[in-house]
Amino acid sequence: MEINLGKLPFDVDFHPSSSLVTAGLINGDLHLYRYAADSQPQRLLEIHAHSESCRAVRFIDGGRAILTGSPDCSILATDVETGSVIARLEDAHEAAVNRLVNLTETTIASGDDDGCIKVWDTRRRSCCNSFDAHEEYISDMTFASDSMKLLATSGDGTLSVCSLRRNKVLTQSEFSEDELLSVVIMKVDFIF
């Protein structure tokens, strides 16, 4: 399956339970598609979400909404069914929003170009915590739900571990010579 978006995509996310995929494009558009193995993808939504590029997209609220982040420093929540705006945080960050990640049913995290990570309560639509963990842009984040820890990588070549229980940066790796661009949690049993 291939989807011609017409513009360069910055980020994609798959719906948690349906055959839907969303893409954030360089021109600020948000696209939503339904896909199946035996048919062509069907575009369900095309929304001009941001005045600048749409760098981050994530399904939230069980897939009922899509969050987008942008260099215009805003975060937008869009209803999947109607395409209508649920909420827009105009000045969510002081720098461009690069990454978004789901934490719990009611919290998400966002990372920006200045290395700042913010945790948001989606019910109150407000920031409930922030971590100044890095010196450069946040390139990726993932959440370890069993320990309530947020892991982030950065263009400064470091990996940070932030505790949501203690509301602090627990540890940060040594600087790498190169940027760290992604992070994933792997649970592997080693047999020697």
Protein backbone atom coordinates (compact mmCIF):
# COMPACT_ATOMS: atom_id res chain seq x y z
CA MET A 1 0.00 0.00 0.00
CA GLU A 2 1.24 3.45 -0.86
CA ILE A 3 -0.38 6.80 -0.13
CA ASN A 4 0.57 9.82 -2.24
CA LEU A 5 0.31 12.74 0.20
CA GLY A 6 1.32 15.39 -2.31
CA LYS A 7 3.67 17.03 0.20
CA LEU A 8 6.53 15.84 2.42
CA PRO A 9 5.29 14.11 5.61
CA PHE A 10 6.99 14.93 8.92
CA ASP A 11 5.23 12.32 11.08
CA VAL A 12 2.66 9.52 10.92
CA ASP A 13 0.66 7.60 13.51
CA PHE A 14 -1.58 4.55 13.34
CA HIS A 15 -4.95 4.41 15.10
CA PRO A 16 -4.86 2.14 18.18
CA SER A 17 -7.79 -0.06 17.07
CA SER A 18 -9.00 0.85 13.56
CA SER A 19 -7.42 0.76 10.11
CA LEU A 20 -6.67 4.49 10.14
CA VAL A 21 -3.40 6.34 9.64
CA THR A 22 -2.76 10.05 10.06
CA ALA A 23 0.05 12.15 8.62
CA GLY A 24 1.39 15.63 9.42
CA LEU A 25 2.77 17.44 6.37
CA ILE A 26 5.42 20.09 5.77
CA ASN A 27 2.76 22.61 4.65
CA GLY A 28 0.88 22.38 7.98
CA ASP A 29 -1.82 20.00 6.75
CA LEU A 30 -3.19 17.02 8.66
CA HIS A 31 -4.40 14.04 6.63
CA LEU A 32 -6.40 11.04 7.86
CA TYR A 33 -6.79 7.86 5.77
CA ARG A 34 -8.66 4.58 6.07
CA TYR A 35 -6.70 1.66 4.62
CA ALA A 36 -7.32 -2.01 3.82
CA ALA A 37 -5.25 -4.71 2.17
CA ASP A 38 -7.73 -5.19 -0.68
CA SER A 39 -8.48 -1.58 -1.62
CA GLN A 40 -6.96 1.83 -2.19
CA PRO A 41 -6.54 4.11 0.86
CA GLN A 42 -9.46 6.51 1.33
CA ARG A 43 -8.77 10.05 2.55
CA LEU A 44 -11.22 10.93 5.33
CA LEU A 45 -9.84 14.30 6.43
CA GLU A 46 -7.59 17.01 5.04
CA ILE A 47 -7.25 19.94 7.42
CA HIS A 48 -4.90 22.91 7.39
CA ALA A 49 -3.95 22.46 11.04
CA HIS A 50 -1.02 24.86 11.40
CA SER A 51 0.40 27.98 9.77
CA GLU A 52 3.80 26.25 9.68
CA SER A 53 4.72 22.58 9.22
CA CYS A 54 2.97 19.83 11.14
CA ARG A 55 5.95 18.10 12.79
CA ALA A 56 4.20 15.71 15.18
CA VAL A 57 0.94 13.72 15.07
CA ARG A 58 -0.56 11.32 17.64
CA PHE A 59 -3.91 9.67 18.16
CA ILE A 60 -5.17 10.28 21.70
CA ASP A 61 -8.26 9.52 23.78
CA GLY A 62 -8.54 5.97 22.46
CA GLY A 63 -8.25 7.23 18.90
CA ARG A 64 -11.13 9.71 19.12
CA ALA A 65 -8.82 12.71 18.58
CA ILE A 66 -5.57 13.57 16.83
CA LEU A 67 -2.96 15.87 18.36
CA THR A 68 -0.57 17.84 16.18
CA GLY A 69 2.47 19.95 17.05
CA SER A 70 4.16 22.65 14.99
CA PRO A 71 6.98 25.21 14.77
CA ASP A 72 4.24 27.82 15.33
CA CYS A 73 4.57 26.63 19.00
CA SER A 74 0.98 25.37 19.11
CA ILE A 75 -0.64 22.02 19.82
CA LEU A 76 -3.97 21.27 18.14
CA ALA A 77 -6.53 18.60 19.04
CA THR A 78 -8.83 17.54 16.17
CA ASP A 79 -11.91 15.30 16.36
CA VAL A 80 -11.41 12.18 14.21
CA GLU A 81 -15.11 11.83 13.28
CA THR A 82 -15.93 15.44 12.39
CA GLY A 83 -12.56 17.05 11.70
CA SER A 84 -13.52 19.90 13.99
CA VAL A 85 -11.10 21.60 16.37
CA ILE A 86 -11.47 20.37 19.95
CA ALA A 87 -8.78 22.62 21.43
CA ARG A 88 -5.79 24.69 20.39
CA LEU A 89 -2.98 25.64 22.75
CA GLU A 90 -1.49 28.65 20.94
CA ASP A 91 1.65 29.12 23.02
CA ALA A 92 2.18 25.58 24.25
CA HIS A 93 5.97 26.01 24.04
CA GLU A 94 8.42 28.87 23.61
CA ALA A 95 10.04 26.97 20.72
CA ALA A 96 8.86 24.72 17.89
CA VAL A 97 7.00 21.58 19.00
CA ASN A 98 8.81 18.50 17.61
CA ARG A 99 7.40 15.41 19.34
CA LEU A 100 4.22 14.22 21.02
CA VAL A 101 3.67 11.03 23.02
CA ASN A 102 0.73 9.53 24.92
CA LEU A 103 1.39 8.94 28.61
CA THR A 104 -1.88 7.96 30.28
CA GLU A 105 -5.53 8.24 29.28
CA THR A 106 -5.51 11.87 30.39
CA THR A 107 -1.91 13.02 29.91
CA ILE A 108 0.42 13.56 26.97
CA ALA A 109 3.96 14.92 26.65
CA SER A 110 5.40 17.33 24.10
CA GLY A 111 9.02 18.15 23.30
CA ASP A 112 10.40 21.26 21.61
CA ASP A 113 13.41 22.68 19.74
CA ASP A 114 14.98 24.05 22.94
CA GLY A 115 15.04 20.67 24.71
CA CYS A 116 12.03 21.37 26.93
CA ILE A 117 9.55 18.58 27.68
CA LYS A 118 6.06 19.45 28.92
CA VAL A 119 3.42 17.15 30.39
CA TRP A 120 -0.19 18.11 29.67
CA ASP A 121 -3.47 17.23 31.39
CA THR A 122 -5.88 16.79 28.49
CA ARG A 123 -8.96 17.25 30.70
CA ARG A 124 -7.83 20.64 31.99
CA ARG A 125 -5.95 21.56 28.81
CA SER A 126 -3.05 22.78 30.91
CA CYS A 127 0.61 22.02 31.54
CA CYS A 128 1.05 20.03 34.74
CA ASN A 129 4.83 19.57 34.62
CA SER A 130 7.91 20.48 32.59
CA PHE A 131 11.45 19.18 32.35
CA ASP A 132 14.40 21.20 31.02
CA ALA A 133 16.36 18.06 30.29
CA HIS A 134 18.22 18.89 27.09
CA GLU A 135 20.18 21.65 25.36
CA GLU A 136 18.89 20.97 21.84
CA TYR A 137 15.72 19.73 20.15
CA ILE A 138 13.78 16.72 21.42
CA SER A 139 14.06 14.12 18.66
CA ASP A 140 11.92 11.36 20.19
CA MET A 141 10.16 10.27 23.37
CA THR A 142 8.66 7.07 24.73
CA PHE A 143 6.85 6.22 27.95
CA ALA A 144 7.48 3.33 30.36
CA SER A 145 4.03 3.04 31.93
CA ASP A 146 5.03 0.41 34.50
CA SER A 147 7.52 2.80 36.13
CA MET A 148 5.91 6.12 35.08
CA LYS A 149 9.13 7.24 33.39
CA LEU A 150 9.45 9.29 30.23
CA LEU A 151 12.53 8.68 28.09
CA ALA A 152 13.66 11.32 25.61
CA THR A 153 16.44 11.65 23.05
CA SER A 154 17.86 14.90 21.79
CA GLY A 155 19.95 16.56 19.13
CA ASP A 156 22.48 17.27 21.88
CA GLY A 157 23.36 13.55 21.83
CA THR A 158 21.84 12.61 25.18
CA LEU A 159 19.12 10.35 26.52
CA SER A 160 17.15 11.50 29.57
CA VAL A 161 14.92 9.63 32.00
CA CYS A 162 12.23 11.79 33.62
CA SER A 163 10.13 10.52 36.53
CA LEU A 164 6.49 11.55 36.44
CA ARG A 165 6.10 10.37 40.06
CA ARG A 166 8.97 12.49 41.38
CA ASN A 167 8.55 15.30 38.83
CA LYS A 168 12.25 15.47 38.06
CA VAL A 169 14.93 14.35 35.62
CA LEU A 170 16.31 11.16 37.18
CA THR A 171 19.31 10.69 34.95
CA GLN A 172 20.87 11.78 31.71
CA SER A 173 23.40 9.95 29.57
CA GLU A 174 26.83 11.22 28.66
CA PHE A 175 26.97 13.34 25.52
CA SER A 176 27.30 11.33 22.33
CA GLU A 177 29.32 12.62 19.39
CA ASP A 178 26.20 12.36 17.23
CA GLU A 179 22.56 13.28 17.62
CA LEU A 180 20.28 10.65 19.14
CA LEU A 181 17.26 10.52 16.86
CA SER A 182 14.99 7.85 18.33
CA VAL A 183 14.25 5.80 21.41
CA VAL A 184 12.30 2.59 21.93
CA ILE A 185 11.82 0.32 24.94
CA MET A 186 12.71 -3.32 24.32
CA LYS A 187 12.01 -6.14 26.74
CA VAL A 188 14.25 -9.04 25.81
CA ASP A 189 15.12 -12.24 27.63
CA PHE A 190 18.77 -13.06 27.07
CA ILE A 191 19.87 -16.69 27.02
CA PHE A 192 23.58 -17.35 27.46
